[in-house]
Amino acid sequence: MSAAAMIVALATESAFGWPDRVFRTIGHPVTWLGRLINHMDARFNLSEDAPAERRKWGRITLLIVVLVAVLPTLLIAAILPEGWLGIIATGLLAAPLVAPRSMYTHVADVAAPLRDGDLSQARLAVAKIVGRDPQNLSSQGVSRAAIESLAENTSDGIVAPVFWGVLFGLPGIAAYKAVNTADSMIAHKTERHLHFGRAAASLDDLANWLPARLTALMICVVQPNILRALTVTFQDASQHRSPNAGWPEAAMAGALDVRLSGPRSYPEGPSEDAFLNAVADDPTPVDIDRALSLYLRVICLLAVLLFFVAIT
């Protein structure tokens, strides 16, 4: 039942996304969680507290955020009917928590101004999907950032929530999104969040371990030179500073035969990361379109896999 519901969720979000009018009116489930996380961060992450105290409140914050996300979905799941009506209802409720259309749109919004030679607009667009400072990025740097974000978020934004939704239904996907949202907001290696966000970072790493590797495998499978992509993935994934993001990013680098990652600048300071597929050239705006085409094939493969899980 859960696999079929995840097909409904993917199809619904792919068809409709999350309309701007709805977002302006009520926000989005992730933004609701974000407000709670911001409140807890401001209230309990106190600079005068010792590191151990800040870690304790970080764990409490994570627990509260997960409970707020999961408890309503447990109640909803308990009252949903059996059969196809329940599958469709579950899928519709889960649809905002997967993002195939939204992710495609955000990355395509970076590619369009680059094709027109409008680097300033491209930097503004890529700033919406990456954490690094885009102000000094060249066209190749913007292209690299967009493709990296697409690769990582194929795992974090689509494969991982679907994975946990298949295993545990609506509560599973809600719990994952709570953890992932907390990780994106408070699990930074800054003075403020180094201790407070540690629990969120650790649990997010655990939740994404298998989905990241499944995503990398799917990226390798849906393009012609599977061997090259697999070789780059297994050689370079471990060089990434993230134990999970390196897998889909290395797979994407190998699949497109471009280099990704490498040194970049974040608000908390520069990061001298290693390049993935370092022997290749930097990506260009054309490679963003190639990455989006590859991304669509991954989504189709995911839907096929869900179908086979649903009928077994």
Protein backbone atom coordinates (compact mmCIF):
# COMPACT_ATOMS: atom_id res chain seq x y z
CA MET A 1 0.00 0.00 0.00
CA SER A 2 2.78 2.47 0.90
CA ALA A 3 4.62 1.97 -2.41
CA ALA A 4 1.44 2.62 -4.36
CA ALA A 5 0.80 5.72 -2.25
CA MET A 6 4.29 6.99 -3.04
CA ILE A 7 3.53 6.63 -6.76
CA VAL A 8 0.46 8.80 -6.22
CA ALA A 9 2.58 11.32 -4.30
CA LEU A 10 5.21 11.52 -7.05
CA ALA A 11 2.59 11.82 -9.77
CA THR A 12 0.66 14.51 -7.90
CA GLU A 13 3.68 16.70 -7.16
CA SER A 14 5.02 16.18 -10.68
CA ALA A 15 1.72 17.35 -12.14
CA PHE A 16 0.91 20.24 -9.83
CA GLY A 17 3.88 21.09 -7.63
CA TRP A 18 2.99 23.37 -4.74
CA PRO A 19 1.16 26.31 -6.33
CA ASP A 20 2.47 29.80 -5.50
CA ARG A 21 -1.02 30.94 -4.47
CA VAL A 22 -1.22 28.12 -1.92
CA PHE A 23 2.29 28.90 -0.66
CA ARG A 24 1.47 32.60 -0.23
CA THR A 25 -1.74 31.71 1.62
CA ILE A 26 -0.71 28.93 3.99
CA GLY A 27 2.99 28.32 3.39
CA HIS A 28 4.23 24.74 3.06
CA PRO A 29 4.62 21.85 5.55
CA VAL A 30 8.38 22.32 5.50
CA THR A 31 8.06 26.05 6.26
CA TRP A 32 5.74 25.19 9.16
CA LEU A 33 8.44 22.97 10.59
CA GLY A 34 10.99 25.67 9.84
CA ARG A 35 9.13 28.18 12.00
CA LEU A 36 9.14 25.75 14.90
CA ILE A 37 12.85 25.05 14.47
CA ASN A 38 13.64 28.77 14.33
CA HIS A 39 11.64 29.33 17.51
CA MET A 40 13.41 26.51 19.33
CA ASP A 41 16.78 27.72 18.07
CA ALA A 42 16.17 31.26 19.32
CA ARG A 43 14.72 30.11 22.63
CA PHE A 44 17.06 27.29 23.65
CA ASN A 45 20.33 27.69 21.73
CA LEU A 46 21.95 30.13 24.12
CA SER A 47 25.49 31.32 23.54
CA GLU A 48 26.24 31.47 27.27
CA ASP A 49 25.44 27.77 27.74
CA ALA A 50 28.15 25.13 27.82
CA PRO A 51 28.54 22.87 24.77
CA ALA A 52 26.98 19.91 26.60
CA GLU A 53 23.93 21.98 27.48
CA ARG A 54 23.56 23.16 23.89
CA ARG A 55 23.81 19.57 22.65
CA LYS A 56 21.11 18.55 25.13
CA TRP A 57 18.73 21.25 23.91
CA GLY A 58 19.56 20.33 20.33
CA ARG A 59 18.42 16.77 21.02
CA ILE A 60 15.27 18.02 22.72
CA THR A 61 14.54 20.34 19.80
CA LEU A 62 14.97 17.50 17.31
CA LEU A 63 12.68 15.24 19.32
CA ILE A 64 9.96 17.89 19.55
CA VAL A 65 10.14 18.68 15.82
CA VAL A 66 9.89 15.00 14.89
CA LEU A 67 6.96 14.46 17.27
CA VAL A 68 5.12 17.50 15.93
CA ALA A 69 5.53 16.13 12.41
CA VAL A 70 4.75 12.48 13.17
CA LEU A 71 1.91 12.50 15.71
CA PRO A 72 -0.70 14.10 13.41
CA THR A 73 0.24 11.72 10.59
CA LEU A 74 -0.15 8.73 12.92
CA LEU A 75 -3.68 9.88 13.71
CA ILE A 76 -4.46 10.49 10.05
CA ALA A 77 -3.06 7.12 9.01
CA ALA A 78 -5.19 5.42 11.68
CA ILE A 79 -8.45 6.83 10.31
CA LEU A 80 -7.76 6.51 6.58
CA PRO A 81 -9.76 3.76 4.88
CA GLU A 82 -8.24 0.60 3.45
CA GLY A 83 -7.92 -0.06 -0.26
CA TRP A 84 -7.49 2.36 -3.13
CA LEU A 85 -9.22 5.25 -1.37
CA GLY A 86 -6.67 5.07 1.44
CA ILE A 87 -3.79 4.77 -1.05
CA ILE A 88 -4.91 7.85 -2.95
CA ALA A 89 -5.52 9.85 0.22
CA THR A 90 -2.10 8.90 1.60
CA GLY A 91 -0.42 9.82 -1.67
CA LEU A 92 -2.14 13.19 -1.85
CA LEU A 93 -1.14 14.00 1.73
CA ALA A 94 2.45 12.88 1.10
CA ALA A 95 2.78 14.81 -2.19
CA PRO A 96 4.02 18.07 -0.60
CA LEU A 97 6.84 16.13 1.04
CA VAL A 98 8.38 14.97 -2.23
CA ALA A 99 9.52 17.49 -4.79
CA PRO A 100 10.23 16.20 -8.33
CA ARG A 101 8.55 19.13 -10.08
CA SER A 102 9.77 21.78 -7.64
CA MET A 103 13.36 20.57 -7.89
CA TYR A 104 13.28 20.53 -11.69
CA THR A 105 11.83 24.06 -11.78
CA HIS A 106 14.44 25.51 -9.42
CA VAL A 107 17.35 24.11 -11.42
CA ALA A 108 15.80 25.02 -14.78
CA ASP A 109 15.46 28.57 -13.45
CA VAL A 110 19.25 28.65 -13.14
CA ALA A 111 19.87 27.28 -16.64
CA ALA A 112 17.58 29.73 -18.44
CA PRO A 113 19.40 33.00 -17.58
CA LEU A 114 22.77 31.33 -18.13
CA ARG A 115 21.73 30.46 -21.68
CA ASP A 116 20.78 34.11 -22.16
CA GLY A 117 24.10 35.34 -20.79
CA ASP A 118 22.51 36.86 -17.67
CA LEU A 119 24.99 35.73 -15.02
CA SER A 120 23.58 38.05 -12.33
CA GLN A 121 20.11 36.53 -12.60
CA ALA A 122 21.58 33.03 -12.66
CA ARG A 123 23.44 33.77 -9.42
CA LEU A 124 20.19 34.92 -7.81
CA ALA A 125 18.45 31.75 -8.97
CA VAL A 126 21.18 29.40 -7.75
CA ALA A 127 21.26 31.15 -4.36
CA LYS A 128 17.78 29.72 -3.73
CA ILE A 129 19.01 26.13 -3.89
CA VAL A 130 22.57 26.19 -2.49
CA GLY A 131 24.10 27.34 0.78
CA ARG A 132 27.30 28.80 -0.68
CA ASP A 133 27.94 32.46 -1.54
CA PRO A 134 27.11 32.83 -5.27
CA GLN A 135 28.26 36.43 -5.73
CA ASN A 136 31.66 35.61 -7.22
CA LEU A 137 30.70 32.47 -9.10
CA SER A 138 31.50 32.29 -12.80
CA SER A 139 29.12 30.72 -15.31
CA GLN A 140 30.90 27.41 -14.76
CA GLY A 141 30.70 27.86 -10.99
CA VAL A 142 26.96 28.51 -11.14
CA SER A 143 26.53 25.48 -13.40
CA ARG A 144 28.51 23.32 -10.99
CA ALA A 145 26.48 24.52 -7.99
CA ALA A 146 23.17 23.87 -9.76
CA ILE A 147 24.14 20.35 -10.83
CA GLU A 148 25.48 19.49 -7.37
CA SER A 149 22.25 20.69 -5.79
CA LEU A 150 20.22 18.67 -8.27
CA ALA A 151 22.22 15.53 -7.51
CA GLU A 152 22.09 15.91 -3.73
CA ASN A 153 18.43 16.87 -3.64
CA THR A 154 17.44 14.00 -5.89
CA SER A 155 18.44 11.94 -2.88
CA ASP A 156 17.38 14.22 -0.01
CA GLY A 157 14.25 15.65 -1.60
CA ILE A 158 12.85 12.70 -3.49
CA VAL A 159 14.45 9.27 -3.08
CA ALA A 160 14.91 9.47 0.71
CA PRO A 161 11.39 10.64 1.61
CA VAL A 162 9.91 8.09 -0.80
CA PHE A 163 12.13 5.38 0.73
CA TRP A 164 10.92 6.13 4.25
CA GLY A 165 7.37 6.54 3.01
CA VAL A 166 7.46 3.06 1.50
CA LEU A 167 8.76 1.59 4.76
CA PHE A 168 6.54 3.43 7.24
CA GLY A 169 3.84 5.22 5.29
CA LEU A 170 2.82 8.80 5.98
CA PRO A 171 4.48 8.90 9.44
CA GLY A 172 7.75 7.69 7.90
CA ILE A 173 7.90 10.39 5.28
CA ALA A 174 6.89 13.06 7.82
CA ALA A 175 9.59 11.95 10.26
CA TYR A 176 12.23 12.05 7.54
CA LYS A 177 11.25 15.55 6.42
CA ALA A 178 11.38 16.77 10.02
CA VAL A 179 14.92 15.43 10.45
CA ASN A 180 16.08 16.68 7.07
CA THR A 181 14.62 20.15 7.64
CA ALA A 182 16.30 20.38 11.03
CA ASP A 183 19.59 19.32 9.45
CA SER A 184 19.34 22.00 6.77
CA MET A 185 18.59 24.73 9.32
CA ILE A 186 20.68 24.04 12.41
CA ALA A 187 23.32 21.44 11.48
CA HIS A 188 25.95 23.95 10.39
CA LYS A 189 29.58 23.93 11.44
CA THR A 190 29.34 27.44 12.84
CA GLU A 191 29.99 28.59 16.37
CA ARG A 192 26.25 28.94 16.93
CA HIS A 193 25.16 25.55 15.61
CA LEU A 194 28.16 23.26 16.02
CA HIS A 195 26.78 21.75 19.23
CA PHE A 196 23.06 22.56 19.02
CA GLY A 197 22.72 20.95 15.58
CA ARG A 198 24.86 17.87 16.21
CA ALA A 199 21.95 15.51 16.85
CA ALA A 200 20.15 16.70 13.72
CA ALA A 201 23.27 16.20 11.61
CA SER A 202 23.92 12.71 12.97
CA LEU A 203 20.34 11.51 12.52
CA ASP A 204 20.12 13.01 9.03
CA ASP A 205 23.34 11.21 8.06
CA LEU A 206 21.82 7.95 9.27
CA ALA A 207 18.47 8.54 7.54
CA ASN A 208 20.15 9.32 4.22
CA TRP A 209 22.83 6.62 4.22
CA LEU A 210 21.00 4.05 2.10
CA PRO A 211 18.89 6.47 -0.01
CA ALA A 212 22.02 8.37 -1.09
CA ARG A 213 23.63 5.18 -2.35
CA LEU A 214 20.44 4.05 -4.07
CA THR A 215 20.24 7.42 -5.78
CA ALA A 216 23.82 7.12 -6.99
CA LEU A 217 23.11 3.67 -8.39
CA MET A 218 20.02 4.92 -10.23
CA ILE A 219 21.96 7.84 -11.71
CA CYS A 220 24.57 5.41 -13.00
CA VAL A 221 22.00 3.00 -14.42
CA VAL A 222 19.95 5.49 -16.46
CA GLN A 223 22.79 6.75 -18.65
CA PRO A 224 24.81 4.97 -21.38
CA ASN A 225 28.27 4.67 -19.83
CA ILE A 226 27.38 2.83 -16.65
CA LEU A 227 30.90 1.60 -16.00
CA ARG A 228 32.47 5.07 -16.10
CA ALA A 229 29.81 6.49 -13.80
CA LEU A 230 30.18 3.63 -11.33
CA THR A 231 33.97 3.95 -11.38
CA VAL A 232 33.86 7.68 -10.55
CA THR A 233 31.21 7.07 -7.90
CA PHE A 234 33.16 4.44 -5.99
CA GLN A 235 36.49 6.22 -6.40
CA ASP A 236 35.42 9.74 -5.45
CA ALA A 237 32.28 9.62 -3.27
CA SER A 238 34.31 9.25 -0.08
CA GLN A 239 36.28 12.42 -0.86
CA HIS A 240 33.20 14.56 -0.29
CA ARG A 241 32.89 16.22 3.11
CA SER A 242 29.42 14.70 3.50
CA PRO A 243 29.19 10.93 4.07
CA ASN A 244 26.10 10.84 1.85
CA ALA A 245 26.00 13.77 -0.59
CA GLY A 246 29.22 12.60 -2.23
CA TRP A 247 27.47 9.53 -3.63
CA PRO A 248 24.85 11.14 -5.89
CA GLU A 249 27.22 14.01 -6.71
CA ALA A 250 30.03 11.66 -7.74
CA ALA A 251 27.57 9.60 -9.76
CA MET A 252 26.34 12.74 -11.52
CA ALA A 253 29.91 13.86 -12.18
CA GLY A 254 30.72 10.49 -13.74
CA ALA A 255 27.50 10.30 -15.70
CA LEU A 256 27.97 13.76 -17.25
CA ASP A 257 31.78 13.50 -17.41
CA VAL A 258 32.23 16.84 -15.61
CA ARG A 259 33.95 17.74 -12.37
CA LEU A 260 31.86 18.75 -9.38
CA SER A 261 32.39 19.88 -5.78
CA GLY A 262 35.82 21.44 -5.17
CA PRO A 263 36.63 24.63 -3.23
CA ARG A 264 33.74 26.95 -2.47
CA SER A 265 32.77 29.78 -0.14
CA TYR A 266 30.09 29.53 2.55
CA PRO A 267 28.81 32.19 4.99
CA GLU A 268 30.78 30.44 7.75
CA GLY A 269 33.97 30.54 5.65
CA PRO A 270 35.74 28.87 2.72
CA SER A 271 35.77 25.12 2.20
CA GLU A 272 38.67 23.48 0.38
CA ASP A 273 36.79 20.40 -0.79
CA ALA A 274 38.28 17.97 -3.29
CA PHE A 275 36.92 17.81 -6.81
CA LEU A 276 34.81 14.82 -7.82
CA ASN A 277 35.91 13.43 -11.21
CA ALA A 278 38.78 15.91 -11.11
CA VAL A 279 40.19 14.93 -14.50
CA ALA A 280 37.08 16.22 -16.31
CA ASP A 281 36.22 19.80 -17.29
CA ASP A 282 33.98 22.18 -15.38
CA PRO A 283 30.30 21.94 -16.34
CA THR A 284 28.70 24.52 -18.62
CA PRO A 285 25.06 25.68 -18.89
CA VAL A 286 24.50 22.93 -21.46
CA ASP A 287 25.43 20.40 -18.81
CA ILE A 288 22.64 21.65 -16.56
CA ASP A 289 20.16 20.65 -19.28
CA ARG A 290 21.89 17.26 -19.58
CA ALA A 291 21.66 16.85 -15.80
CA LEU A 292 17.95 17.68 -15.85
CA SER A 293 17.37 15.11 -18.57
CA LEU A 294 19.21 12.53 -16.48
CA TYR A 295 17.20 13.57 -13.43
CA LEU A 296 13.92 12.92 -15.26
CA ARG A 297 15.11 9.44 -16.17
CA VAL A 298 15.93 8.78 -12.51
CA ILE A 299 12.40 9.84 -11.49
CA CYS A 300 10.93 7.51 -14.11
CA LEU A 301 13.10 4.65 -12.87
CA LEU A 302 12.02 5.37 -9.30
CA ALA A 303 8.37 5.19 -10.36
CA VAL A 304 8.98 1.86 -12.12
CA LEU A 305 10.70 0.43 -9.05
CA LEU A 306 7.80 1.58 -6.86
CA PHE A 307 5.37 -0.10 -9.22
CA PHE A 308 7.16 -3.44 -8.91
CA VAL A 309 7.29 -3.09 -5.13
CA ALA A 310 3.57 -2.29 -5.08
CA ILE A 311 2.56 -5.37 -7.05
CA THR A 312 4.71 -7.84 -5.12
